Protein backbone atom coordinates (compact mmCIF):
# COMPACT_ATOMS: atom_id res chain seq x y z
CA MET A 1 152.32 -19.12 6.19
CA LYS A 2 155.88 -19.80 6.72
CA LEU A 3 156.42 -23.06 5.34
CA THR A 4 153.72 -21.93 2.65
CA LEU A 5 156.24 -19.48 1.76
CA LEU A 6 159.37 -21.90 1.40
CA SER A 7 157.64 -23.65 -0.80
CA ALA A 8 157.07 -21.45 -3.51
CA VAL A 9 160.99 -19.97 -2.87
CA LEU A 10 161.76 -23.48 -3.64
CA ALA A 11 159.72 -23.59 -6.59
CA VAL A 12 160.95 -20.36 -8.20
CA ALA A 13 164.53 -21.51 -7.49
CA ALA A 14 164.73 -24.58 -9.47
CA THR A 15 162.87 -22.78 -12.57
CA THR A 16 165.64 -19.98 -12.56
CA LEU A 17 168.45 -22.69 -12.25
CA PRO A 18 170.73 -22.67 -15.44
CA ALA A 19 169.80 -26.13 -17.59
CA SER A 20 173.39 -27.34 -16.72
CA ALA A 21 172.45 -27.55 -12.82
CA GLY A 22 169.67 -30.05 -13.44
CA PRO A 23 170.05 -32.44 -10.55
CA VAL A 24 170.00 -29.69 -8.19
CA ALA A 25 166.46 -28.06 -10.19
CA ASP A 26 165.21 -31.58 -9.87
CA GLN A 27 165.92 -31.73 -6.27
CA LEU A 28 164.68 -28.24 -5.83
CA ARG A 29 161.36 -28.99 -6.78
CA GLU A 30 161.04 -32.47 -4.84
CA LEU A 31 161.64 -30.23 -1.33
CA GLY A 32 159.47 -27.98 -2.39
CA SER A 33 156.35 -30.34 -3.13
CA ASN A 34 157.11 -31.93 0.25
CA VAL A 35 156.48 -28.95 2.18
CA SER A 36 153.01 -29.45 3.95
CA THR A 37 150.30 -26.93 4.17
CA PRO A 38 149.45 -26.20 7.66
CA ALA A 39 145.65 -26.02 8.65
CA ALA A 40 144.14 -23.06 8.85
CA ARG A 41 143.90 -21.06 11.73
CA PRO A 42 140.27 -20.14 12.96
CA ASN A 43 139.64 -16.50 13.23
CA THR A 44 137.31 -16.45 16.11
CA VAL A 45 138.57 -16.64 19.89
CA PRO A 46 137.11 -18.86 22.42
CA LYS A 47 135.01 -16.74 24.74
CA VAL A 48 135.74 -17.42 28.27
CA ALA A 49 132.80 -18.41 30.86
CA ALA A 50 132.14 -15.67 33.10
CA PRO A 51 132.56 -16.78 37.09
CA GLU A 52 129.74 -17.43 38.48
CA THR A 53 128.49 -14.77 40.98
CA SER A 54 127.81 -16.15 44.54
CA PRO A 55 124.46 -15.71 45.56
CA ALA A 56 125.70 -14.17 49.02
CA HIS A 57 127.41 -11.36 47.25
CA GLU A 58 124.14 -10.94 45.08
CA PRO A 59 122.01 -7.41 45.52
CA ALA A 60 118.95 -8.30 47.26
CA THR A 61 115.76 -7.32 45.41
CA VAL A 62 112.87 -5.94 47.11
CA GLN A 63 109.29 -6.41 45.56
CA PRO A 64 107.15 -3.98 45.43
CA ASP A 65 104.55 -5.81 47.27
CA ASP A 66 107.29 -5.88 50.24
CA ALA A 67 107.69 -2.22 50.48
CA PRO A 68 105.95 -0.53 53.19
CA THR A 69 103.16 1.85 52.73
CA LEU A 70 103.27 4.90 54.99
CA PRO A 71 100.74 7.40 55.53
CA GLU A 72 100.86 10.83 53.41
CA PRO A 73 102.89 13.44 55.02
CA ALA A 74 99.68 15.45 56.49
CA GLN A 75 98.15 12.09 57.45
CA ASN A 76 100.46 11.29 59.33
CA ALA A 77 100.79 14.67 61.15
CA CYS A 78 97.28 14.60 62.00
CA LEU A 79 97.48 10.94 63.44
CA ILE A 80 100.68 12.06 65.82
CA ALA A 81 98.64 15.35 66.83
CA LEU A 82 95.03 13.28 67.62
CA GLN A 83 97.56 10.84 69.67
CA LYS A 84 98.69 13.29 72.25
CA ILE A 85 95.07 14.17 73.15
CA ALA A 86 92.88 11.02 72.29
CA ASP A 87 92.36 7.19 72.71
CA ALA A 88 92.40 6.88 68.91
CA GLU A 89 93.76 4.69 65.80
CA PRO A 90 94.15 3.95 62.20
CA VAL A 91 91.24 1.63 60.83
CA SER A 92 90.57 0.05 57.31
CA SER A 93 87.80 1.92 55.56
CA PRO A 94 84.31 0.43 56.53
CA ASP A 95 82.39 -1.62 53.99
CA ALA A 96 79.79 0.29 52.51
CA GLU A 97 77.06 -0.89 50.37
CA ASP A 98 77.51 2.68 48.33
CA SER A 99 80.49 2.68 46.41
CA ALA A 100 80.16 6.52 47.37
CA CYS A 101 80.31 6.50 50.40
CA VAL A 102 83.87 6.54 51.02
CA ILE A 103 85.80 7.67 53.97
CA ASP A 104 89.79 8.99 53.91
CA ASN A 105 92.46 8.09 56.40
CA PRO A 106 89.69 6.67 58.91
CA VAL A 107 90.41 7.15 62.45
CA GLN A 108 88.33 5.49 65.53
CA ILE A 109 88.80 7.12 68.63
CA ALA A 110 87.37 5.88 71.96
CA GLY A 111 88.03 9.39 74.08
CA THR A 112 90.56 12.26 75.06
CA LEU A 113 93.53 11.59 77.30
CA GLY A 114 94.69 13.52 80.32
CA PRO A 115 93.74 13.86 83.90
CA THR A 116 90.18 14.53 83.16
CA PRO A 117 89.29 11.93 80.32
CA ILE A 118 86.26 12.12 78.21
CA THR A 119 84.87 8.79 76.91
CA PHE A 120 82.97 8.78 73.39
CA THR A 121 80.82 6.13 73.73
CA GLY A 122 79.98 5.30 70.58
CA HIS A 123 83.96 5.11 69.45
CA PRO A 124 83.00 6.66 65.94
CA VAL A 125 84.94 5.67 62.66
CA LEU A 126 85.69 9.44 61.48
CA THR A 127 88.03 10.69 59.21
CA CYS A 128 91.44 12.02 60.81
CA ASP A 129 90.90 15.64 60.45
CA VAL A 130 87.52 15.38 62.05
CA ALA A 131 88.52 13.19 64.99
CA LEU A 132 90.96 15.85 65.98
CA ARG A 133 88.53 18.34 65.90
CA LEU A 134 86.33 16.40 68.06
CA ALA A 135 88.74 15.34 70.43
CA ARG A 136 90.13 19.44 70.63
CA PHE A 137 86.61 20.28 70.85
CA SER A 138 85.71 18.40 74.06
CA LYS A 139 89.19 18.82 75.58
CA ASP A 140 89.32 22.58 75.04
CA THR A 141 85.96 23.96 74.94
CA LEU A 142 83.64 21.39 76.41
CA GLN A 143 85.19 20.19 79.76
CA PRO A 144 86.04 23.73 80.90
CA LEU A 145 82.20 25.02 79.57
CA ALA A 146 81.44 21.72 82.10
CA GLU A 147 83.15 22.79 84.90
CA HIS A 148 82.15 26.71 84.65
CA HIS A 149 78.39 25.76 84.31
CA VAL A 150 77.75 22.74 85.78
CA GLY A 151 80.18 22.60 87.89
CA ALA A 152 81.46 19.06 87.34
CA SER A 153 84.21 17.55 84.59
CA LEU A 154 82.52 15.82 81.99
CA THR A 155 83.48 11.96 81.50
CA ALA A 156 81.65 11.06 78.72
CA VAL A 157 79.98 11.96 75.19
CA PHE A 158 77.75 9.60 74.04
CA THR A 159 77.74 9.77 70.25
CA GLY A 160 76.87 7.84 67.29
CA PRO A 161 78.96 5.31 65.04
CA GLY A 162 80.17 8.32 62.76
CA PHE A 163 80.68 7.21 59.52
CA THR A 164 77.38 5.84 58.44
CA CYS A 165 76.70 4.94 55.07
CA ARG A 166 72.99 6.85 54.34
CA ARG A 167 71.74 10.43 52.67
CA ARG A 168 71.38 13.62 54.94
CA ASN A 169 67.99 12.69 57.47
CA ASN A 170 67.64 9.17 56.84
CA ALA A 171 65.99 9.82 53.97
CA ALA A 172 65.32 7.76 50.63
CA THR A 173 66.60 10.04 48.24
CA GLY A 174 68.68 13.00 47.82
CA LYS A 175 72.42 13.59 48.72
CA LEU A 176 73.96 12.02 50.84
CA SER A 177 75.21 12.81 54.26
CA GLU A 178 78.35 14.43 55.36
CA HIS A 179 78.37 10.85 57.90
CA ALA A 180 78.83 8.82 54.51
CA PHE A 181 82.19 10.30 53.95
CA GLY A 182 82.93 10.25 57.66
CA LYS A 183 82.67 14.09 58.38
CA GLY A 184 79.57 14.20 60.41
CA ILE A 185 79.35 12.99 64.22
CA ASP A 186 76.00 13.03 66.28
CA ILE A 187 75.55 13.14 69.68
CA THR A 188 72.97 12.16 72.06
CA ALA A 189 73.52 13.41 75.71
CA PHE A 190 76.47 14.10 77.86
CA SER A 191 77.66 12.35 81.21
CA PHE A 192 79.17 14.45 83.98
CA GLU A 193 81.52 13.13 87.27
CA GLU A 194 77.96 12.98 89.60
CA LYS A 195 76.82 10.33 86.97
CA ASP A 196 74.61 12.98 86.25
CA ARG A 197 72.98 12.45 82.08
CA LEU A 198 72.12 15.24 79.92
CA ASN A 199 70.16 14.34 77.15
CA VAL A 200 70.33 16.36 74.06
CA ARG A 201 66.91 18.37 73.76
CA SER A 202 65.79 21.72 73.84
CA SER A 203 66.99 24.15 76.51
CA ALA A 204 64.11 25.61 77.41
CA ASP A 205 63.36 22.20 79.47
CA MET A 206 66.82 22.11 81.38
CA LYS A 207 67.82 22.98 84.40
CA THR A 208 69.50 26.87 84.46
CA ASN A 209 73.05 26.10 85.14
CA ARG A 210 72.27 22.72 82.34
CA ALA A 211 70.58 25.17 79.76
CA ALA A 212 73.51 27.45 79.92
CA PHE A 213 76.30 24.73 79.29
CA PHE A 214 74.21 23.18 76.48
CA SER A 215 73.50 27.03 75.04
CA ALA A 216 77.52 28.17 75.04
CA LEU A 217 78.99 24.46 73.77
CA ARG A 218 76.13 24.70 71.02
CA THR A 219 77.49 28.33 69.86
CA ALA A 220 81.34 27.32 70.38
CA ALA A 221 81.37 24.31 68.43
CA CYS A 222 80.92 26.77 65.06
CA GLY A 223 84.16 27.60 65.77
CA HIS A 224 85.34 24.18 65.10
CA PHE A 225 82.83 22.52 62.52
CA THR A 226 81.03 24.16 59.66
CA THR A 227 77.84 22.50 60.29
CA VAL A 228 75.87 22.73 63.88
CA LEU A 229 72.33 21.48 64.20
CA GLY A 230 70.08 20.54 66.60
CA PRO A 231 67.04 20.78 68.36
CA GLY A 232 65.04 23.97 66.64
CA THR A 233 66.57 23.19 63.44
CA ASN A 234 63.64 20.68 62.49
CA ALA A 235 62.69 17.36 63.73
CA ALA A 236 65.23 15.50 62.75
CA HIS A 237 67.36 17.03 65.11
CA ALA A 238 64.98 17.10 67.71
CA THR A 239 67.16 14.78 70.14
CA HIS A 240 70.73 15.22 69.20
CA LEU A 241 73.74 17.34 67.62
CA HIS A 242 74.66 16.72 64.28
CA LEU A 243 78.54 18.68 64.00
CA ASP A 244 80.21 17.94 60.82
CA THR A 245 82.54 20.19 58.51
CA GLY A 246 81.38 19.62 54.89
CA ARG A 247 82.54 22.59 53.69
CA MET A 248 85.98 22.76 55.42
CA GLU A 249 88.10 22.96 51.89
CA PRO A 250 91.70 22.49 51.80
CA GLY A 251 93.19 26.34 51.52
CA LYS A 252 90.07 28.34 52.47
CA GLU A 253 89.61 30.20 55.65
CA ASN A 254 86.88 31.14 55.80
CA PRO A 255 84.14 28.57 55.11
CA TYR A 256 80.64 29.02 54.58
CA ARG A 257 79.21 27.51 58.26
CA ILE A 258 75.21 26.87 59.33
CA CYS A 259 74.92 27.05 63.00
CA GLN A 260 70.98 26.36 63.73
């Protein structure tokens, strides 16, 4: 910029000199023509590459599949309460032929804990809520009733598998049973500490103390479950007790019950 200006100044100066200064003017013109014009500077500033970040300082990225899946708060609370009084573990949902057969929050329960444990022979798979009800019913109701009426501790409750994808009363058509949702449990017999077994049947065919035990537990079951079916209900329940929570809805304090 400065050299270009100098050349222009010399040229102007040569033209403004008087005629008598001919040699001087010629020298100024020659000087102006010899001034070289500098190359134009680029308008862009070269970019400086950012320093590479060391992998050791890069934040760790957790993939979605790496994130642990935690139970819902209510489900977790149920499992904690259940495992305090029972031998039970969460399990995967069993496979079913019918996609409508679905069990939420399934657990497998082997029996109750404590000084006088009770074994559930079928190791049934149930929803956590129903498993907790079964454990409390057995521990808090069946055991005291057995000791009171039979005079012996209850050691085992013979149960079915719990979750079973089938229709009510094993019919070919009709509504699905509560077993298809893990909300139903069947009981076929009870065993006491003397290895004495009481099969479920009409109480009219039982000894007095065992009939009293069976009648009392059947009545008490309605406080824990919404459906209690057994001998006398129909032919399908002549040799077992069926307990379920089919009409138990969240927020419903007094669900409709069937106790037969």
